[in-house]
Amino acid sequence: MRNSLTVSVWDPLVRSFHWLLVAGFFTAYFSEDDFMTLHAWAGYLVLSLLAFRIAWGFVGPRHARFSDFVASPWRALRYLGHLFTGRAPRHLGHNPAGGLMIVALLIGLILTGATGLVVYGVEEHAGPLAAYVAHWSRSTGKAFEEVHEFLANGVLLLVFVHVAGVLMESLLHRENLVKAMWTGEKRLD
């Protein structure tokens, strides 16, 4: 039963996407080399989730749509300025900085996954791109592997910044945003 002082913000599909993406990314991140099959399947999960989320960003409910939370970088920077002075307004959905972070994470994960598919095809002669890239040189595969690892580390950095932002926002507005991403409910002011 929903409390009359809360409102449903994030639908079950957005919440499931979020937590499955967390599990998929960290499984892939910590399972390379000795666990290549697990790494590859975790990567496939991440890419599948991203395809779903992009589609859901256009057809999902209000707070799932990109039009609800994607803001210009200037608006996000202005919001961050207010956040660091303790004067940031509360948003029912994602705030402008959070929206920009989602876009950055989506792009970073797509690029990480795409380069991973190339590496898998060149080095393991496996995956959906193998027929197109298996004949590429080992040095080209290594170059893509370096880019793939750089991007994965960049995404990890973005994750840390994202978590820090969630904690700051939670403290400023006295609201447990992690719980809200589990339940989908936020306090209605």
C-alpha atoms as a PDB file:
ATOM      1  CA  MET A   1       0.000   0.000   0.000  1.00  0.00           C
ATOM      2  CA  ARG A   2       1.376   3.394  -0.991  1.00  0.00           C
ATOM      3  CA  ASN A   3       1.700   6.159   1.569  1.00  0.00           C
ATOM      4  CA  SER A   4      -0.409   9.185   0.613  1.00  0.00           C
ATOM      5  CA  LEU A   5       2.700  11.352   1.101  1.00  0.00           C
ATOM      6  CA  THR A   6       4.701   9.544  -1.578  1.00  0.00           C
ATOM      7  CA  VAL A   7       4.461   9.380  -5.330  1.00  0.00           C
ATOM      8  CA  SER A   8       5.625   6.751  -7.782  1.00  0.00           C
ATOM      9  CA  VAL A   9       8.527   8.153  -9.777  1.00  0.00           C
ATOM     10  CA  TRP A  10      10.577   5.320 -11.271  1.00  0.00           C
ATOM     11  CA  ASP A  11       8.707   2.453 -12.854  1.00  0.00           C
ATOM     12  CA  PRO A  12       9.674  -1.197 -12.262  1.00  0.00           C
ATOM     13  CA  LEU A  13      11.430  -1.459 -15.634  1.00  0.00           C
ATOM     14  CA  VAL A  14      13.700   1.535 -14.948  1.00  0.00           C
ATOM     15  CA  ARG A  15      14.516   0.187 -11.503  1.00  0.00           C
ATOM     16  CA  SER A  16      15.201  -3.313 -12.821  1.00  0.00           C
ATOM     17  CA  PHE A  17      17.354  -1.859 -15.591  1.00  0.00           C
ATOM     18  CA  HIS A  18      19.349   0.174 -13.070  1.00  0.00           C
ATOM     19  CA  TRP A  19      20.177  -2.697 -10.718  1.00  0.00           C
ATOM     20  CA  LEU A  20      20.781  -5.242 -13.493  1.00  0.00           C
ATOM     21  CA  LEU A  21      23.124  -2.725 -15.129  1.00  0.00           C
ATOM     22  CA  VAL A  22      25.026  -2.343 -11.854  1.00  0.00           C
ATOM     23  CA  ALA A  23      25.355  -6.136 -11.588  1.00  0.00           C
ATOM     24  CA  GLY A  24      26.291  -6.561 -15.249  1.00  0.00           C
ATOM     25  CA  PHE A  25      28.882  -3.789 -15.294  1.00  0.00           C
ATOM     26  CA  PHE A  26      30.643  -4.908 -12.123  1.00  0.00           C
ATOM     27  CA  THR A  27      30.557  -8.560 -13.193  1.00  0.00           C
ATOM     28  CA  ALA A  28      32.181  -7.608 -16.495  1.00  0.00           C
ATOM     29  CA  TYR A  29      34.639  -5.242 -14.828  1.00  0.00           C
ATOM     30  CA  PHE A  30      35.944  -7.815 -12.362  1.00  0.00           C
ATOM     31  CA  SER A  31      35.803 -10.916 -14.578  1.00  0.00           C
ATOM     32  CA  GLU A  32      38.109 -10.285 -17.524  1.00  0.00           C
ATOM     33  CA  ASP A  33      41.120 -12.432 -18.483  1.00  0.00           C
ATOM     34  CA  ASP A  34      40.589 -15.672 -16.503  1.00  0.00           C
ATOM     35  CA  PHE A  35      36.799 -15.584 -16.842  1.00  0.00           C
ATOM     36  CA  MET A  36      36.372 -14.417 -20.449  1.00  0.00           C
ATOM     37  CA  THR A  37      33.095 -16.285 -21.003  1.00  0.00           C
ATOM     38  CA  LEU A  38      31.534 -14.670 -17.932  1.00  0.00           C
ATOM     39  CA  HIS A  39      32.999 -11.302 -18.980  1.00  0.00           C
ATOM     40  CA  ALA A  40      31.502 -11.636 -22.468  1.00  0.00           C
ATOM     41  CA  TRP A  41      28.052 -12.635 -21.201  1.00  0.00           C
ATOM     42  CA  ALA A  42      28.045  -9.788 -18.692  1.00  0.00           C
ATOM     43  CA  GLY A  43      28.950  -7.467 -21.572  1.00  0.00           C
ATOM     44  CA  TYR A  44      26.082  -8.847 -23.657  1.00  0.00           C
ATOM     45  CA  LEU A  45      23.750  -8.230 -20.718  1.00  0.00           C
ATOM     46  CA  VAL A  46      24.946  -4.628 -20.423  1.00  0.00           C
ATOM     47  CA  LEU A  47      24.521  -3.981 -24.153  1.00  0.00           C
ATOM     48  CA  SER A  48      21.047  -5.557 -24.136  1.00  0.00           C
ATOM     49  CA  LEU A  49      20.048  -3.431 -21.164  1.00  0.00           C
ATOM     50  CA  LEU A  50      21.339  -0.310 -22.915  1.00  0.00           C
ATOM     51  CA  ALA A  51      19.278  -1.087 -26.030  1.00  0.00           C
ATOM     52  CA  PHE A  52      16.196  -1.474 -23.838  1.00  0.00           C
ATOM     53  CA  ARG A  53      16.915   1.750 -21.897  1.00  0.00           C
ATOM     54  CA  ILE A  54      17.387   3.818 -25.015  1.00  0.00           C
ATOM     55  CA  ALA A  55      14.041   2.622 -26.378  1.00  0.00           C
ATOM     56  CA  TRP A  56      12.387   3.120 -22.972  1.00  0.00           C
ATOM     57  CA  GLY A  57      13.795   6.641 -22.899  1.00  0.00           C
ATOM     58  CA  PHE A  58      11.448   7.479 -25.774  1.00  0.00           C
ATOM     59  CA  VAL A  59       8.342   5.415 -24.990  1.00  0.00           C
ATOM     60  CA  GLY A  60       8.431   4.824 -21.223  1.00  0.00           C
ATOM     61  CA  PRO A  61       6.502   6.708 -18.558  1.00  0.00           C
ATOM     62  CA  ARG A  62       7.215  10.371 -17.799  1.00  0.00           C
ATOM     63  CA  HIS A  63      10.279  10.115 -15.541  1.00  0.00           C
ATOM     64  CA  ALA A  64      11.838   7.405 -17.733  1.00  0.00           C
ATOM     65  CA  ARG A  65      11.783   9.615 -20.823  1.00  0.00           C
ATOM     66  CA  PHE A  66      14.858  11.517 -21.916  1.00  0.00           C
ATOM     67  CA  SER A  67      12.673  14.561 -22.480  1.00  0.00           C
ATOM     68  CA  ASP A  68      12.003  14.630 -18.711  1.00  0.00           C
ATOM     69  CA  PHE A  69      15.603  14.758 -17.526  1.00  0.00           C
ATOM     70  CA  VAL A  70      18.127  15.494 -20.276  1.00  0.00           C
ATOM     71  CA  ALA A  71      19.315  19.067 -19.779  1.00  0.00           C
ATOM     72  CA  SER A  72      21.990  21.222 -21.338  1.00  0.00           C
ATOM     73  CA  PRO A  73      25.479  21.126 -19.801  1.00  0.00           C
ATOM     74  CA  TRP A  74      25.024  24.773 -18.735  1.00  0.00           C
ATOM     75  CA  ARG A  75      21.843  23.963 -16.834  1.00  0.00           C
ATOM     76  CA  ALA A  76      23.582  21.004 -15.174  1.00  0.00           C
ATOM     77  CA  LEU A  77      26.567  23.192 -14.185  1.00  0.00           C
ATOM     78  CA  ARG A  78      24.238  25.851 -12.782  1.00  0.00           C
ATOM     79  CA  TYR A  79      22.483  23.124 -10.785  1.00  0.00           C
ATOM     80  CA  LEU A  80      25.826  21.830  -9.456  1.00  0.00           C
ATOM     81  CA  GLY A  81      26.711  25.360  -8.356  1.00  0.00           C
ATOM     82  CA  HIS A  82      23.472  25.461  -6.360  1.00  0.00           C
ATOM     83  CA  LEU A  83      24.140  21.963  -5.007  1.00  0.00           C
ATOM     84  CA  PHE A  84      27.565  22.902  -3.639  1.00  0.00           C
ATOM     85  CA  THR A  85      26.094  25.983  -1.927  1.00  0.00           C
ATOM     86  CA  GLY A  86      23.251  23.939  -0.434  1.00  0.00           C
ATOM     87  CA  ARG A  87      20.580  25.781  -2.439  1.00  0.00           C
ATOM     88  CA  ALA A  88      19.801  23.219  -5.126  1.00  0.00           C
ATOM     89  CA  PRO A  89      16.095  22.759  -5.747  1.00  0.00           C
ATOM     90  CA  ARG A  90      14.649  19.296  -5.238  1.00  0.00           C
ATOM     91  CA  HIS A  91      13.487  17.450  -8.342  1.00  0.00           C
ATOM     92  CA  LEU A  92      10.917  14.690  -8.296  1.00  0.00           C
ATOM     93  CA  GLY A  93      12.692  12.881 -11.143  1.00  0.00           C
ATOM     94  CA  HIS A  94      16.346  13.306 -12.032  1.00  0.00           C
ATOM     95  CA  ASN A  95      17.929  16.707 -11.493  1.00  0.00           C
ATOM     96  CA  PRO A  96      19.807  18.357 -14.418  1.00  0.00           C
ATOM     97  CA  ALA A  97      23.207  17.061 -13.264  1.00  0.00           C
ATOM     98  CA  GLY A  98      21.797  13.561 -12.765  1.00  0.00           C
ATOM     99  CA  GLY A  99      20.289  13.664 -16.250  1.00  0.00           C
ATOM    100  CA  LEU A 100      23.634  14.631 -17.746  1.00  0.00           C
ATOM    101  CA  MET A 101      25.296  11.829 -15.767  1.00  0.00           C
ATOM    102  CA  ILE A 102      22.824   9.311 -17.197  1.00  0.00           C
ATOM    103  CA  VAL A 103      23.682  10.445 -20.726  1.00  0.00           C
ATOM    104  CA  ALA A 104      27.419  10.229 -19.970  1.00  0.00           C
ATOM    105  CA  LEU A 105      27.033   6.747 -18.488  1.00  0.00           C
ATOM    106  CA  LEU A 106      24.945   5.522 -21.427  1.00  0.00           C
ATOM    107  CA  ILE A 107      27.490   6.823 -23.954  1.00  0.00           C
ATOM    108  CA  GLY A 108      30.428   5.475 -21.942  1.00  0.00           C
ATOM    109  CA  LEU A 109      28.843   2.052 -21.595  1.00  0.00           C
ATOM    110  CA  ILE A 110      27.893   1.867 -25.272  1.00  0.00           C
ATOM    111  CA  LEU A 111      31.456   2.710 -26.321  1.00  0.00           C
ATOM    112  CA  THR A 112      32.878   0.256 -23.783  1.00  0.00           C
ATOM    113  CA  GLY A 113      30.586  -2.495 -25.045  1.00  0.00           C
ATOM    114  CA  ALA A 114      31.269  -1.744 -28.714  1.00  0.00           C
ATOM    115  CA  THR A 115      35.034  -1.844 -28.245  1.00  0.00           C
ATOM    116  CA  GLY A 116      34.625  -5.023 -26.190  1.00  0.00           C
ATOM    117  CA  LEU A 117      32.793  -6.678 -29.088  1.00  0.00           C
ATOM    118  CA  VAL A 118      35.665  -5.742 -31.406  1.00  0.00           C
ATOM    119  CA  VAL A 119      38.274  -7.113 -28.971  1.00  0.00           C
ATOM    120  CA  TYR A 120      36.286 -10.330 -28.524  1.00  0.00           C
ATOM    121  CA  GLY A 121      36.036 -10.759 -32.281  1.00  0.00           C
ATOM    122  CA  VAL A 122      39.727 -10.076 -32.974  1.00  0.00           C
ATOM    123  CA  GLU A 123      41.295 -11.916 -30.054  1.00  0.00           C
ATOM    124  CA  GLU A 124      38.847 -14.758 -29.434  1.00  0.00           C
ATOM    125  CA  HIS A 125      37.321 -15.045 -32.935  1.00  0.00           C
ATOM    126  CA  ALA A 126      33.954 -15.028 -31.180  1.00  0.00           C
ATOM    127  CA  GLY A 127      30.936 -12.798 -30.814  1.00  0.00           C
ATOM    128  CA  PRO A 128      28.700 -11.032 -33.317  1.00  0.00           C
ATOM    129  CA  LEU A 129      31.556  -9.054 -34.925  1.00  0.00           C
ATOM    130  CA  ALA A 130      33.954 -11.991 -35.356  1.00  0.00           C
ATOM    131  CA  ALA A 131      33.133 -12.475 -39.035  1.00  0.00           C
ATOM    132  CA  TYR A 132      34.047  -8.849 -39.703  1.00  0.00           C
ATOM    133  CA  VAL A 133      37.097  -8.346 -37.466  1.00  0.00           C
ATOM    134  CA  ALA A 134      38.701 -11.772 -36.889  1.00  0.00           C
ATOM    135  CA  HIS A 135      41.174 -11.117 -39.709  1.00  0.00           C
ATOM    136  CA  TRP A 136      42.377  -7.847 -38.160  1.00  0.00           C
ATOM    137  CA  SER A 137      45.932  -7.825 -36.840  1.00  0.00           C
ATOM    138  CA  ARG A 138      46.761  -8.725 -33.267  1.00  0.00           C
ATOM    139  CA  SER A 139      48.181  -5.211 -32.765  1.00  0.00           C
ATOM    140  CA  THR A 140      44.847  -3.692 -33.829  1.00  0.00           C
ATOM    141  CA  GLY A 141      43.095  -5.988 -31.348  1.00  0.00           C
ATOM    142  CA  LYS A 142      45.501  -4.857 -28.615  1.00  0.00           C
ATOM    143  CA  ALA A 143      44.859  -1.212 -29.468  1.00  0.00           C
ATOM    144  CA  PHE A 144      41.106  -1.784 -29.169  1.00  0.00           C
ATOM    145  CA  GLU A 145      41.710  -3.637 -25.895  1.00  0.00           C
ATOM    146  CA  GLU A 146      43.559  -0.598 -24.491  1.00  0.00           C
ATOM    147  CA  VAL A 147      40.695   1.673 -25.543  1.00  0.00           C
ATOM    148  CA  HIS A 148      38.175  -0.783 -24.068  1.00  0.00           C
ATOM    149  CA  GLU A 149      39.984  -0.835 -20.710  1.00  0.00           C
ATOM    150  CA  PHE A 150      40.363   2.964 -20.711  1.00  0.00           C
ATOM    151  CA  LEU A 151      36.630   3.367 -21.341  1.00  0.00           C
ATOM    152  CA  ALA A 152      35.723   0.803 -18.655  1.00  0.00           C
ATOM    153  CA  ASN A 153      37.860   2.703 -16.138  1.00  0.00           C
ATOM    154  CA  GLY A 154      36.237   5.955 -17.259  1.00  0.00           C
ATOM    155  CA  VAL A 155      32.793   4.454 -16.661  1.00  0.00           C
ATOM    156  CA  LEU A 156      33.919   3.306 -13.222  1.00  0.00           C
ATOM    157  CA  LEU A 157      34.982   6.881 -12.451  1.00  0.00           C
ATOM    158  CA  LEU A 158      31.577   8.116 -13.614  1.00  0.00           C
ATOM    159  CA  VAL A 159      29.926   5.553 -11.323  1.00  0.00           C
ATOM    160  CA  PHE A 160      31.857   6.932  -8.335  1.00  0.00           C
ATOM    161  CA  VAL A 161      30.854  10.493  -9.252  1.00  0.00           C
ATOM    162  CA  HIS A 162      27.251   9.323  -9.688  1.00  0.00           C
ATOM    163  CA  VAL A 163      27.208   7.693  -6.239  1.00  0.00           C
ATOM    164  CA  ALA A 164      28.772  10.816  -4.683  1.00  0.00           C
ATOM    165  CA  GLY A 165      26.069  12.925  -6.325  1.00  0.00           C
ATOM    166  CA  VAL A 166      23.331  10.616  -5.042  1.00  0.00           C
ATOM    167  CA  LEU A 167      24.753  10.867  -1.515  1.00  0.00           C
ATOM    168  CA  MET A 168      25.044  14.672  -1.688  1.00  0.00           C
ATOM    169  CA  GLU A 169      21.514  15.009  -3.014  1.00  0.00           C
ATOM    170  CA  SER A 170      20.188  12.592  -0.381  1.00  0.00           C
ATOM    171  CA  LEU A 171      21.825  14.582   2.422  1.00  0.00           C
ATOM    172  CA  LEU A 172      20.761  17.972   1.078  1.00  0.00           C
ATOM    173  CA  HIS A 173      17.109  17.015   0.676  1.00  0.00           C
ATOM    174  CA  ARG A 174      17.003  14.494   3.547  1.00  0.00           C
ATOM    175  CA  GLU A 175      15.819  11.802   1.177  1.00  0.00           C
ATOM    176  CA  ASN A 176      17.115   8.276   0.665  1.00  0.00           C
ATOM    177  CA  LEU A 177      17.574   8.155  -3.111  1.00  0.00           C
ATOM    178  CA  VAL A 178      18.998   4.627  -3.035  1.00  0.00           C
ATOM    179  CA  LYS A 179      15.806   3.432  -1.354  1.00  0.00           C
ATOM    180  CA  ALA A 180      13.769   5.382  -3.903  1.00  0.00           C
ATOM    181  CA  MET A 181      15.542   3.527  -6.710  1.00  0.00           C
ATOM    182  CA  TRP A 182      14.500   0.238  -5.056  1.00  0.00           C
ATOM    183  CA  THR A 183      10.900   1.182  -4.325  1.00  0.00           C
ATOM    184  CA  GLY A 184      10.218   3.695  -7.077  1.00  0.00           C
ATOM    185  CA  GLU A 185       8.618   5.981  -4.499  1.00  0.00           C
ATOM    186  CA  LYS A 186       9.708   9.467  -3.482  1.00  0.00           C
ATOM    187  CA  ARG A 187       8.384  11.857  -0.912  1.00  0.00           C
ATOM    188  CA  LEU A 188       5.810  14.259  -2.313  1.00  0.00           C
ATOM    189  CA  ASP A 189       6.464  17.814  -1.147  1.00  0.00           C
END
